[in-house]
Amino acid sequence: MVPHPKRKHTSGRRDRRRAHDALTPVNLVQCSNCGELRPSHTVCPSCGHYQGREVISMSKEEKKK
């Protein structure tokens, strides 16, 4: 036999429990090389630059996209 609650939890108690469940939006910053939006502290997916230097060499065909 599984125990059941004796009383219903109030909506305030339920909402306080769920206060930390909200999703936060991803922080996007502008790439210093090409100007595309990218997540902070990551290599730019469009040009391959990070902190002012090229980390991943991209071909010219991929840069045009």
N, C-alpha and C. Protein backbone atom coordinates (compact mmCIF):
# COMPACT_ATOMS: atom_id res chain seq x y z
N MET A 1 0.83 -1.17 0.00
CA MET A 1 0.00 0.00 0.00
C MET A 1 0.89 1.25 0.00
N VAL A 2 0.59 2.11 -0.90
CA VAL A 2 1.35 3.34 -1.06
C VAL A 2 0.69 4.44 -0.25
N PRO A 3 1.47 5.23 0.50
CA PRO A 3 0.85 6.31 1.28
C PRO A 3 0.35 7.42 0.36
N HIS A 4 -0.79 8.02 0.74
CA HIS A 4 -1.39 9.11 -0.01
C HIS A 4 -1.45 10.34 0.88
N PRO A 5 -1.40 11.53 0.27
CA PRO A 5 -1.50 12.74 1.08
C PRO A 5 -2.89 12.86 1.70
N LYS A 6 -2.92 13.37 2.94
CA LYS A 6 -4.19 13.50 3.65
C LYS A 6 -4.99 14.71 3.15
N ARG A 7 -4.26 15.77 2.77
CA ARG A 7 -4.91 16.98 2.27
C ARG A 7 -4.28 17.39 0.93
N LYS A 8 -5.06 18.10 0.14
CA LYS A 8 -4.58 18.60 -1.14
C LYS A 8 -3.60 19.76 -0.91
N HIS A 9 -2.48 19.78 -1.66
CA HIS A 9 -1.56 20.91 -1.56
C HIS A 9 -2.21 22.12 -2.21
N THR A 10 -2.02 23.28 -1.60
CA THR A 10 -2.61 24.50 -2.13
C THR A 10 -1.89 24.93 -3.41
N SER A 11 -2.56 25.77 -4.19
CA SER A 11 -1.96 26.23 -5.44
C SER A 11 -0.73 27.09 -5.18
N GLY A 12 -0.70 27.82 -4.08
CA GLY A 12 0.47 28.62 -3.74
C GLY A 12 1.68 27.76 -3.44
N ARG A 13 1.46 26.69 -2.72
CA ARG A 13 2.56 25.77 -2.41
C ARG A 13 3.06 25.09 -3.69
N ARG A 14 2.14 24.71 -4.56
CA ARG A 14 2.51 24.09 -5.83
C ARG A 14 3.32 25.07 -6.69
N ASP A 15 2.86 26.33 -6.76
CA ASP A 15 3.53 27.32 -7.60
C ASP A 15 4.90 27.69 -7.05
N ARG A 16 5.06 27.71 -5.73
CA ARG A 16 6.37 28.00 -5.15
C ARG A 16 7.36 26.88 -5.46
N ARG A 17 6.87 25.67 -5.50
CA ARG A 17 7.73 24.54 -5.83
C ARG A 17 8.19 24.64 -7.29
N ARG A 18 7.34 25.15 -8.16
CA ARG A 18 7.65 25.24 -9.59
C ARG A 18 8.31 26.57 -9.97
N ALA A 19 8.70 27.38 -9.01
CA ALA A 19 9.25 28.70 -9.30
C ALA A 19 10.58 28.63 -10.05
N HIS A 20 11.35 27.56 -9.87
CA HIS A 20 12.67 27.45 -10.49
C HIS A 20 12.64 26.63 -11.77
N ASP A 21 11.48 26.26 -12.26
CA ASP A 21 11.37 25.40 -13.44
C ASP A 21 11.37 26.17 -14.75
N ALA A 22 11.34 27.50 -14.71
CA ALA A 22 11.26 28.28 -15.94
C ALA A 22 12.56 28.18 -16.73
N LEU A 23 12.45 28.17 -18.06
CA LEU A 23 13.62 28.11 -18.92
C LEU A 23 14.18 29.52 -19.12
N THR A 24 15.49 29.62 -19.15
CA THR A 24 16.13 30.91 -19.40
C THR A 24 16.56 30.96 -20.86
N PRO A 25 16.42 32.09 -21.53
CA PRO A 25 16.83 32.18 -22.94
C PRO A 25 18.34 32.11 -23.09
N VAL A 26 18.78 31.61 -24.23
CA VAL A 26 20.21 31.49 -24.52
C VAL A 26 20.77 32.89 -24.75
N ASN A 27 21.91 33.19 -24.12
CA ASN A 27 22.54 34.50 -24.27
C ASN A 27 23.33 34.53 -25.57
N LEU A 28 22.87 35.32 -26.55
CA LEU A 28 23.54 35.42 -27.83
C LEU A 28 24.36 36.71 -27.89
N VAL A 29 25.57 36.60 -28.44
CA VAL A 29 26.43 37.77 -28.63
C VAL A 29 26.80 37.85 -30.10
N GLN A 30 27.26 39.02 -30.53
CA GLN A 30 27.63 39.22 -31.92
C GLN A 30 29.09 38.82 -32.14
N CYS A 31 29.35 38.09 -33.21
CA CYS A 31 30.71 37.69 -33.55
C CYS A 31 31.51 38.92 -33.93
N SER A 32 32.74 39.05 -33.41
CA SER A 32 33.56 40.22 -33.70
C SER A 32 34.10 40.20 -35.13
N ASN A 33 34.12 39.03 -35.78
CA ASN A 33 34.66 38.93 -37.13
C ASN A 33 33.57 39.12 -38.20
N CYS A 34 32.47 38.35 -38.10
CA CYS A 34 31.48 38.39 -39.18
C CYS A 34 30.17 39.06 -38.76
N GLY A 35 29.92 39.25 -37.47
CA GLY A 35 28.72 39.92 -37.01
C GLY A 35 27.53 39.02 -36.79
N GLU A 36 27.66 37.71 -37.03
CA GLU A 36 26.57 36.77 -36.81
C GLU A 36 26.33 36.60 -35.30
N LEU A 37 25.10 36.27 -34.92
CA LEU A 37 24.81 35.98 -33.53
C LEU A 37 25.22 34.55 -33.21
N ARG A 38 25.86 34.38 -32.06
CA ARG A 38 26.33 33.05 -31.63
C ARG A 38 26.23 32.99 -30.12
N PRO A 39 26.18 31.77 -29.53
CA PRO A 39 26.20 31.66 -28.07
C PRO A 39 27.54 32.15 -27.53
N SER A 40 27.55 32.75 -26.36
CA SER A 40 28.79 33.28 -25.80
C SER A 40 29.73 32.13 -25.42
N HIS A 41 31.00 32.40 -25.46
CA HIS A 41 32.08 31.45 -25.13
C HIS A 41 32.09 30.23 -26.05
N THR A 42 31.71 30.41 -27.31
CA THR A 42 31.76 29.33 -28.29
C THR A 42 32.37 29.85 -29.58
N VAL A 43 32.88 28.94 -30.39
CA VAL A 43 33.42 29.28 -31.70
C VAL A 43 32.25 29.64 -32.61
N CYS A 44 32.43 30.66 -33.42
CA CYS A 44 31.38 31.10 -34.34
C CYS A 44 31.13 30.00 -35.37
N PRO A 45 29.90 29.52 -35.51
CA PRO A 45 29.64 28.44 -36.48
C PRO A 45 29.71 28.90 -37.93
N SER A 46 29.60 30.20 -38.19
CA SER A 46 29.60 30.65 -39.58
C SER A 46 31.00 30.96 -40.10
N CYS A 47 31.90 31.49 -39.25
CA CYS A 47 33.23 31.85 -39.75
C CYS A 47 34.37 31.10 -39.06
N GLY A 48 34.12 30.47 -37.92
CA GLY A 48 35.16 29.69 -37.26
C GLY A 48 36.11 30.48 -36.39
N HIS A 49 35.78 31.72 -36.06
CA HIS A 49 36.65 32.57 -35.23
C HIS A 49 36.22 32.52 -33.77
N TYR A 50 37.20 32.67 -32.87
CA TYR A 50 36.94 32.76 -31.42
C TYR A 50 38.00 33.68 -30.83
N GLN A 51 37.57 34.70 -30.12
CA GLN A 51 38.43 35.69 -29.48
C GLN A 51 39.42 36.32 -30.46
N GLY A 52 38.92 36.67 -31.65
CA GLY A 52 39.73 37.40 -32.62
C GLY A 52 40.67 36.58 -33.47
N ARG A 53 40.68 35.27 -33.33
CA ARG A 53 41.55 34.46 -34.17
C ARG A 53 40.77 33.28 -34.73
N GLU A 54 41.24 32.76 -35.87
CA GLU A 54 40.55 31.66 -36.54
C GLU A 54 40.93 30.35 -35.86
N VAL A 55 39.95 29.67 -35.32
CA VAL A 55 40.18 28.41 -34.61
C VAL A 55 39.89 27.24 -35.55
N ILE A 56 38.80 27.34 -36.32
CA ILE A 56 38.42 26.31 -37.27
C ILE A 56 38.49 26.91 -38.66
N SER A 57 39.26 26.26 -39.55
CA SER A 57 39.34 26.79 -40.92
C SER A 57 38.09 26.35 -41.67
N MET A 58 37.37 27.33 -42.22
CA MET A 58 36.17 27.06 -42.99
C MET A 58 36.47 27.31 -44.46
N SER A 59 35.90 26.48 -45.34
CA SER A 59 36.11 26.70 -46.77
C SER A 59 35.26 27.88 -47.23
N LYS A 60 35.57 28.43 -48.37
CA LYS A 60 34.87 29.61 -48.86
C LYS A 60 33.40 29.30 -49.14
N GLU A 61 33.09 28.05 -49.55
CA GLU A 61 31.69 27.67 -49.82
C GLU A 61 30.87 27.72 -48.54
N GLU A 62 31.44 27.27 -47.44
CA GLU A 62 30.71 27.27 -46.16
C GLU A 62 30.54 28.68 -45.62
N LYS A 63 31.51 29.58 -45.89
CA LYS A 63 31.41 30.95 -45.40
C LYS A 63 30.30 31.72 -46.10
N LYS A 64 29.99 31.36 -47.37
CA LYS A 64 28.96 32.07 -48.12
C LYS A 64 27.57 31.82 -47.56
N LYS A 65 27.34 30.67 -46.93
CA LYS A 65 26.02 30.33 -46.40
C LYS A 65 25.67 31.22 -45.30
